[in-house]
N, C-alpha and C. Protein backbone atom coordinates (compact mmCIF):
# COMPACT_ATOMS: atom_id res chain seq x y z
N MET A 1 -16.46 19.93 6.17
CA MET A 1 -15.33 19.82 5.48
C MET A 1 -14.63 18.69 5.01
N ALA A 2 -13.88 18.67 3.97
CA ALA A 2 -13.54 17.71 2.92
C ALA A 2 -12.11 16.86 4.09
N TRP A 3 -12.19 15.68 3.72
CA TRP A 3 -11.09 14.91 4.32
C TRP A 3 -10.16 14.95 3.31
N LYS A 4 -8.92 14.70 3.94
CA LYS A 4 -7.94 14.85 3.10
C LYS A 4 -7.30 13.27 2.87
N ILE A 5 -7.47 12.34 3.61
CA ILE A 5 -7.71 10.75 3.32
C ILE A 5 -8.89 10.47 2.91
N LYS A 6 -9.20 9.62 1.55
CA LYS A 6 -10.72 8.94 1.19
C LYS A 6 -10.13 7.71 0.98
N LYS A 7 -11.22 6.84 1.10
CA LYS A 7 -11.24 5.40 1.20
C LYS A 7 -10.58 4.99 -0.42
N GLY A 8 -9.50 3.98 -0.56
CA GLY A 8 -9.03 3.78 -1.88
C GLY A 8 -7.74 4.58 -1.82
N ASP A 9 -7.36 5.33 -1.29
CA ASP A 9 -6.09 6.13 -1.42
C ASP A 9 -4.83 4.70 -0.47
N THR A 10 -3.73 5.19 -1.14
CA THR A 10 -2.69 4.50 -0.36
C THR A 10 -1.86 5.14 0.62
N VAL A 11 -1.56 4.52 1.84
CA VAL A 11 -1.33 5.69 2.62
C VAL A 11 -0.23 4.79 3.52
N LEU A 12 0.92 5.62 4.58
CA LEU A 12 1.90 5.26 5.01
C LEU A 12 1.77 5.57 6.28
N VAL A 13 2.12 4.42 7.47
CA VAL A 13 1.76 4.59 8.64
C VAL A 13 3.05 5.32 9.13
N VAL A 14 3.20 6.87 9.78
CA VAL A 14 4.00 6.98 10.28
C VAL A 14 4.34 7.50 11.76
N ARG A 15 3.30 6.90 12.57
CA ARG A 15 3.44 6.64 13.83
C ARG A 15 2.70 5.73 14.09
N GLY A 16 3.01 5.35 15.65
CA GLY A 16 2.77 3.86 16.17
C GLY A 16 4.22 3.07 16.83
N SER A 17 3.20 1.91 16.90
CA SER A 17 4.27 0.83 17.38
C SER A 17 5.19 0.52 16.37
N LYS A 18 6.71 -0.16 16.75
CA LYS A 18 7.66 -0.49 15.73
C LYS A 18 6.95 -1.32 14.49
N ALA A 19 6.04 -2.63 15.01
CA ALA A 19 5.35 -3.39 14.19
C ALA A 19 4.81 -2.32 13.25
N LYS A 20 3.89 -1.39 13.46
CA LYS A 20 3.03 -0.68 12.55
C LYS A 20 3.70 0.12 11.64
N LYS A 21 4.83 1.02 12.37
CA LYS A 21 5.62 2.17 11.68
C LYS A 21 6.16 1.73 10.61
N GLY A 22 6.07 2.44 9.20
CA GLY A 22 6.32 2.45 8.08
C GLY A 22 5.74 1.21 7.36
N GLN A 23 4.69 0.43 7.99
CA GLN A 23 3.96 0.00 6.53
C GLN A 23 2.92 0.79 5.75
N SER A 24 2.40 0.26 4.60
CA SER A 24 1.52 1.17 3.68
C SER A 24 0.29 0.21 3.56
N GLY A 25 -0.68 0.94 2.75
CA GLY A 25 -1.51 0.10 2.50
C GLY A 25 -2.73 0.85 2.04
N LYS A 26 -3.52 0.07 1.61
CA LYS A 26 -4.78 0.76 0.80
C LYS A 26 -6.13 1.12 1.80
N VAL A 27 -6.39 2.31 1.78
CA VAL A 27 -7.42 2.69 3.25
C VAL A 27 -8.94 1.79 2.31
N VAL A 28 -9.42 1.15 3.49
CA VAL A 28 -10.73 -0.11 3.30
C VAL A 28 -11.78 1.14 3.77
N ARG A 29 -11.89 1.69 4.88
CA ARG A 29 -12.50 2.22 5.45
C ARG A 29 -12.39 3.51 6.33
N VAL A 30 -13.07 4.73 6.09
CA VAL A 30 -13.12 5.99 6.70
C VAL A 30 -13.94 6.00 7.76
N ILE A 31 -13.90 6.30 9.04
CA ILE A 31 -14.84 6.46 10.27
C ILE A 31 -14.48 7.90 10.64
N PRO A 32 -15.44 8.90 9.90
CA PRO A 32 -15.11 9.98 10.12
C PRO A 32 -15.53 10.83 11.67
N GLU A 33 -16.22 9.95 11.92
CA GLU A 33 -17.21 10.28 13.40
C GLU A 33 -16.21 10.27 14.84
N LYS A 34 -14.87 9.43 14.40
CA LYS A 34 -13.85 9.35 15.25
C LYS A 34 -12.54 9.25 14.76
N ASN A 35 -12.49 10.06 13.49
CA ASN A 35 -11.26 9.91 13.25
C ASN A 35 -10.36 9.04 12.65
N ARG A 36 -10.60 8.40 12.41
CA ARG A 36 -10.04 6.89 12.30
C ARG A 36 -9.98 6.40 10.54
N VAL A 37 -9.27 5.65 10.41
CA VAL A 37 -8.75 5.02 8.93
C VAL A 37 -8.65 3.49 9.41
N ILE A 38 -9.50 2.59 8.52
CA ILE A 38 -8.81 0.92 8.68
C ILE A 38 -8.06 0.92 7.17
N VAL A 39 -6.96 0.34 7.36
CA VAL A 39 -6.10 0.61 6.70
C VAL A 39 -5.58 -1.38 6.11
N GLU A 40 -5.67 -1.55 4.60
CA GLU A 40 -5.64 -2.88 4.98
C GLU A 40 -4.17 -3.78 5.07
N GLY A 41 -4.12 -4.61 5.80
CA GLY A 41 -3.00 -5.19 6.33
C GLY A 41 -2.26 -4.76 7.18
N VAL A 42 -2.73 -3.70 7.97
CA VAL A 42 -2.16 -2.96 8.76
C VAL A 42 -2.80 -2.73 10.11
N ASN A 43 -2.29 -3.12 11.28
CA ASN A 43 -2.82 -3.15 12.90
C ASN A 43 -3.88 -4.34 12.94
N LEU A 44 -3.05 -5.37 12.86
CA LEU A 44 -4.12 -6.56 12.59
C LEU A 44 -4.43 -6.88 14.29
N VAL A 45 -5.31 -7.33 14.64
CA VAL A 45 -5.44 -7.67 15.78
C VAL A 45 -6.52 -9.06 15.99
N LYS A 46 -6.26 -9.94 16.58
CA LYS A 46 -6.92 -11.15 17.09
C LYS A 46 -8.17 -10.97 17.86
N LYS A 47 -9.67 -11.51 16.89
CA LYS A 47 -10.62 -11.20 17.61
C LYS A 47 -11.15 -12.74 17.82
N HIS A 48 -11.67 -12.89 18.69
CA HIS A 48 -12.54 -14.25 19.39
C HIS A 48 -13.67 -14.31 19.08
N LEU A 49 -14.12 -15.23 18.15
CA LEU A 49 -15.44 -15.40 17.51
C LEU A 49 -16.20 -16.42 17.91
N LYS A 50 -17.74 -16.45 18.53
CA LYS A 50 -18.24 -17.32 18.86
C LYS A 50 -19.10 -18.07 18.05
N GLU A 51 -19.13 -19.32 17.75
CA GLU A 51 -19.89 -19.82 16.54
C GLU A 51 -21.25 -19.76 16.65
N ILE A 52 -21.82 -19.41 15.55
CA ILE A 52 -23.22 -19.27 15.44
C ILE A 52 -23.86 -20.13 14.53
N PRO A 53 -24.42 -21.42 14.92
CA PRO A 53 -24.89 -22.12 13.85
C PRO A 53 -25.58 -21.94 12.48
N ASN A 54 -25.07 -22.35 11.43
CA ASN A 54 -25.49 -21.94 10.05
C ASN A 54 -24.99 -20.73 9.55
N VAL A 55 -24.52 -20.12 10.38
CA VAL A 55 -23.89 -18.87 9.75
C VAL A 55 -22.46 -18.57 9.53
N ARG A 56 -21.54 -18.70 11.08
CA ARG A 56 -20.23 -18.54 10.79
C ARG A 56 -19.28 -19.84 11.70
N GLU A 57 -18.26 -20.02 11.37
CA GLU A 57 -17.34 -20.86 12.56
C GLU A 57 -16.93 -19.81 13.59
N GLY A 58 -16.58 -20.55 14.69
CA GLY A 58 -15.72 -20.03 16.02
C GLY A 58 -14.36 -20.02 15.83
N GLY A 59 -13.59 -19.14 16.21
CA GLY A 59 -12.56 -19.13 16.56
C GLY A 59 -11.66 -17.82 16.53
N ILE A 60 -10.34 -17.64 16.72
CA ILE A 60 -9.51 -16.64 16.65
C ILE A 60 -9.15 -16.18 14.83
N VAL A 61 -9.88 -15.00 14.74
CA VAL A 61 -9.71 -14.25 13.35
C VAL A 61 -8.98 -13.20 13.39
N GLU A 62 -7.95 -12.82 12.50
CA GLU A 62 -7.43 -11.59 12.43
C GLU A 62 -7.94 -10.58 11.60
N VAL A 63 -8.25 -9.19 12.33
CA VAL A 63 -9.16 -8.35 11.67
C VAL A 63 -7.94 -6.77 11.84
N GLU A 64 -8.49 -6.14 10.53
CA GLU A 64 -8.01 -5.17 10.84
C GLU A 64 -8.61 -4.02 11.89
N ALA A 65 -7.91 -3.50 12.74
CA ALA A 65 -8.43 -2.25 13.49
C ALA A 65 -7.80 -1.09 13.21
N PRO A 66 -9.05 0.15 13.53
CA PRO A 66 -8.92 1.56 13.36
C PRO A 66 -7.38 1.91 13.65
N ILE A 67 -6.97 3.13 12.68
CA ILE A 67 -5.77 3.84 13.14
C ILE A 67 -6.00 5.00 13.05
N HIS A 68 -5.87 6.27 14.12
CA HIS A 68 -6.14 7.56 13.96
C HIS A 68 -5.32 8.15 12.68
N VAL A 69 -6.26 9.18 12.05
CA VAL A 69 -5.98 9.44 10.87
C VAL A 69 -4.40 10.52 10.71
N SER A 70 -4.38 10.61 12.10
CA SER A 70 -2.99 11.68 12.00
C SER A 70 -1.98 10.97 11.85
N ASN A 71 -2.17 9.70 12.36
CA ASN A 71 -0.66 8.82 11.92
C ASN A 71 -0.80 8.24 11.11
N VAL A 72 -1.46 8.63 9.81
CA VAL A 72 -1.05 8.19 8.33
C VAL A 72 -0.66 9.15 7.25
N MET A 73 0.03 9.04 6.41
CA MET A 73 0.24 10.26 5.37
C MET A 73 -0.09 9.62 4.24
N LEU A 74 -0.74 10.34 3.30
CA LEU A 74 -1.13 10.25 1.61
C LEU A 74 0.10 9.64 1.11
N VAL A 75 0.33 8.65 0.32
CA VAL A 75 1.32 8.51 -0.40
C VAL A 75 0.91 8.94 -2.14
N CYS A 76 1.58 9.96 -2.41
CA CYS A 76 0.69 10.56 -3.72
C CYS A 76 1.06 9.85 -4.85
N PRO A 77 -0.17 9.82 -5.57
CA PRO A 77 -0.11 8.98 -6.75
C PRO A 77 0.74 9.29 -7.94
N ASN A 78 1.06 10.56 -8.19
CA ASN A 78 2.06 11.08 -9.01
C ASN A 78 3.67 10.93 -8.65
N CYS A 79 4.02 11.38 -7.57
CA CYS A 79 5.50 11.20 -7.29
C CYS A 79 5.71 9.79 -6.26
N ASN A 80 4.70 9.22 -5.74
CA ASN A 80 4.79 8.04 -5.22
C ASN A 80 5.54 7.97 -3.63
N LYS A 81 5.43 9.64 -3.17
CA LYS A 81 6.11 9.84 -1.90
C LYS A 81 5.13 10.37 -0.45
N PRO A 82 5.44 10.24 0.47
CA PRO A 82 4.26 10.28 1.36
C PRO A 82 4.39 11.72 1.52
N THR A 83 3.13 12.67 1.37
CA THR A 83 3.05 13.66 1.44
C THR A 83 2.24 14.56 2.21
N ARG A 84 1.81 15.88 2.76
CA ARG A 84 0.81 16.74 2.99
C ARG A 84 0.09 16.91 2.23
N VAL A 85 -1.48 16.99 2.35
CA VAL A 85 -2.00 17.19 1.32
C VAL A 85 -2.90 18.81 1.50
N GLY A 86 -3.12 19.27 0.36
CA GLY A 86 -3.81 20.52 0.62
C GLY A 86 -4.96 20.96 -0.42
N PHE A 87 -5.74 21.65 -0.21
CA PHE A 87 -7.15 22.05 -1.48
C PHE A 87 -7.04 22.90 -1.92
N ARG A 88 -7.23 22.87 -3.46
CA ARG A 88 -7.13 23.93 -4.12
C ARG A 88 -8.75 24.39 -4.70
N LEU A 89 -8.48 25.88 -5.20
CA LEU A 89 -9.90 26.03 -5.68
C LEU A 89 -9.35 26.27 -7.46
N VAL A 90 -10.13 25.58 -8.19
CA VAL A 90 -9.58 26.44 -9.47
C VAL A 90 -10.98 26.73 -10.30
N GLU A 91 -11.31 27.84 -11.23
CA GLU A 91 -12.38 28.14 -11.62
C GLU A 91 -11.71 28.09 -13.23
N GLU A 92 -13.03 27.40 -13.85
CA GLU A 92 -12.53 26.90 -15.08
C GLU A 92 -14.15 26.88 -15.84
N LYS A 93 -14.15 27.60 -16.97
CA LYS A 93 -15.34 27.75 -17.27
C LYS A 93 -16.76 27.87 -16.97
N GLY A 94 -16.89 28.76 -15.87
CA GLY A 94 -18.05 29.11 -15.09
C GLY A 94 -18.37 28.16 -14.19
N VAL A 95 -17.57 26.96 -13.64
CA VAL A 95 -17.33 25.97 -12.87
C VAL A 95 -16.44 25.93 -11.61
N LEU A 96 -16.56 26.19 -10.37
CA LEU A 96 -15.45 26.44 -9.28
C LEU A 96 -15.32 24.85 -9.04
N ARG A 97 -14.00 23.90 -8.96
CA ARG A 97 -13.63 22.97 -9.02
C ARG A 97 -12.70 23.16 -7.79
N LYS A 98 -13.01 22.16 -6.80
CA LYS A 98 -11.97 22.07 -5.50
C LYS A 98 -11.20 20.48 -5.45
N TYR A 99 -10.03 20.88 -5.74
CA TYR A 99 -9.03 19.49 -6.10
C TYR A 99 -8.32 19.34 -4.59
N ARG A 100 -7.69 18.20 -4.39
CA ARG A 100 -6.90 17.64 -3.70
C ARG A 100 -5.53 17.82 -4.36
N PHE A 101 -4.45 18.39 -3.48
CA PHE A 101 -3.28 18.67 -4.16
C PHE A 101 -1.83 18.37 -3.50
N CYS A 102 -0.94 17.42 -4.20
CA CYS A 102 0.14 16.98 -3.07
C CYS A 102 1.17 18.15 -3.06
N LYS A 103 1.49 18.36 -1.73
CA LYS A 103 2.88 19.86 -1.35
C LYS A 103 3.81 19.61 -1.61
N LYS A 104 4.04 18.32 -2.18
CA LYS A 104 5.59 17.94 -2.69
C LYS A 104 5.89 18.29 -4.01
N CYS A 105 4.89 18.03 -4.77
CA CYS A 105 4.92 17.92 -6.36
C CYS A 105 4.44 18.74 -6.96
N ASN A 106 3.07 19.66 -6.12
CA ASN A 106 1.92 20.52 -6.66
C ASN A 106 1.33 19.93 -7.51
N GLU A 107 1.12 18.58 -7.76
CA GLU A 107 0.39 18.21 -8.59
C GLU A 107 -1.15 17.87 -8.34
N ASN A 108 -2.39 18.05 -9.01
CA ASN A 108 -3.64 17.58 -8.52
C ASN A 108 -3.97 16.00 -8.34
N ILE A 109 -4.48 15.91 -7.37
CA ILE A 109 -4.47 14.23 -7.05
C ILE A 109 -5.73 13.74 -7.20
N ASP A 110 -6.93 14.68 -6.89
CA ASP A 110 -8.23 14.17 -7.54
C ASP A 110 -9.33 15.18 -7.43
N LEU A 111 -10.40 15.16 -8.02
CA LEU A 111 -11.31 16.44 -7.90
C LEU A 111 -12.12 15.91 -6.69
N VAL A 112 -12.21 17.07 -5.75
CA VAL A 112 -13.22 16.87 -4.60
C VAL A 112 -14.69 16.90 -4.84
N ARG A 113 -15.06 18.26 -5.44
CA ARG A 113 -16.27 18.75 -6.02
C ARG A 113 -16.54 19.53 -6.65
N GLU A 114 -17.37 19.95 -7.39
CA GLU A 114 -17.37 21.18 -8.32
C GLU A 114 -18.68 21.70 -8.49
N LYS A 115 -18.90 23.23 -8.73
CA LYS A 115 -19.71 23.91 -7.83
C LYS A 115 -20.22 24.76 -9.26
N GLN A 116 -21.42 25.05 -9.81
CA GLN A 116 -21.86 26.18 -10.82
C GLN A 116 -21.95 27.26 -10.34
N LEU A 117 -21.01 28.39 -10.98
CA LEU A 117 -20.93 29.51 -10.54
C LEU A 117 -22.68 30.04 -11.19
N ARG A 118 -23.22 30.97 -10.57
CA ARG A 118 -24.16 32.12 -11.12
C ARG A 118 -23.34 33.11 -11.76
N GLY A 119 -24.14 33.24 -13.07
CA GLY A 119 -23.62 34.91 -13.52
C GLY A 119 -24.22 34.88 -14.87
């Protein structure tokens, strides 16, 4: 099954602590095995790193932690509003194309995949 959130999408955090809720950012990484996404600048945690000589310095570093995918909503690039995402199949010139689309403005967001029809 295709994912409704992809790397590079702008998302809005709709659930979580008051510090995280309402923040938006770009998806840096998608972790499908755990149903989680990492959003740039959101859900920052402090990580204590041990020094490894000639590799990295030790200390306390802020890192983005994963958020469950159900707690974020895609921000539509066309209408700039948080929206639910649907999938649409369109047949064009013997090619079946699958698009993600915004359920608010009903516009296509991007092409997910295309498949050549036999005929």
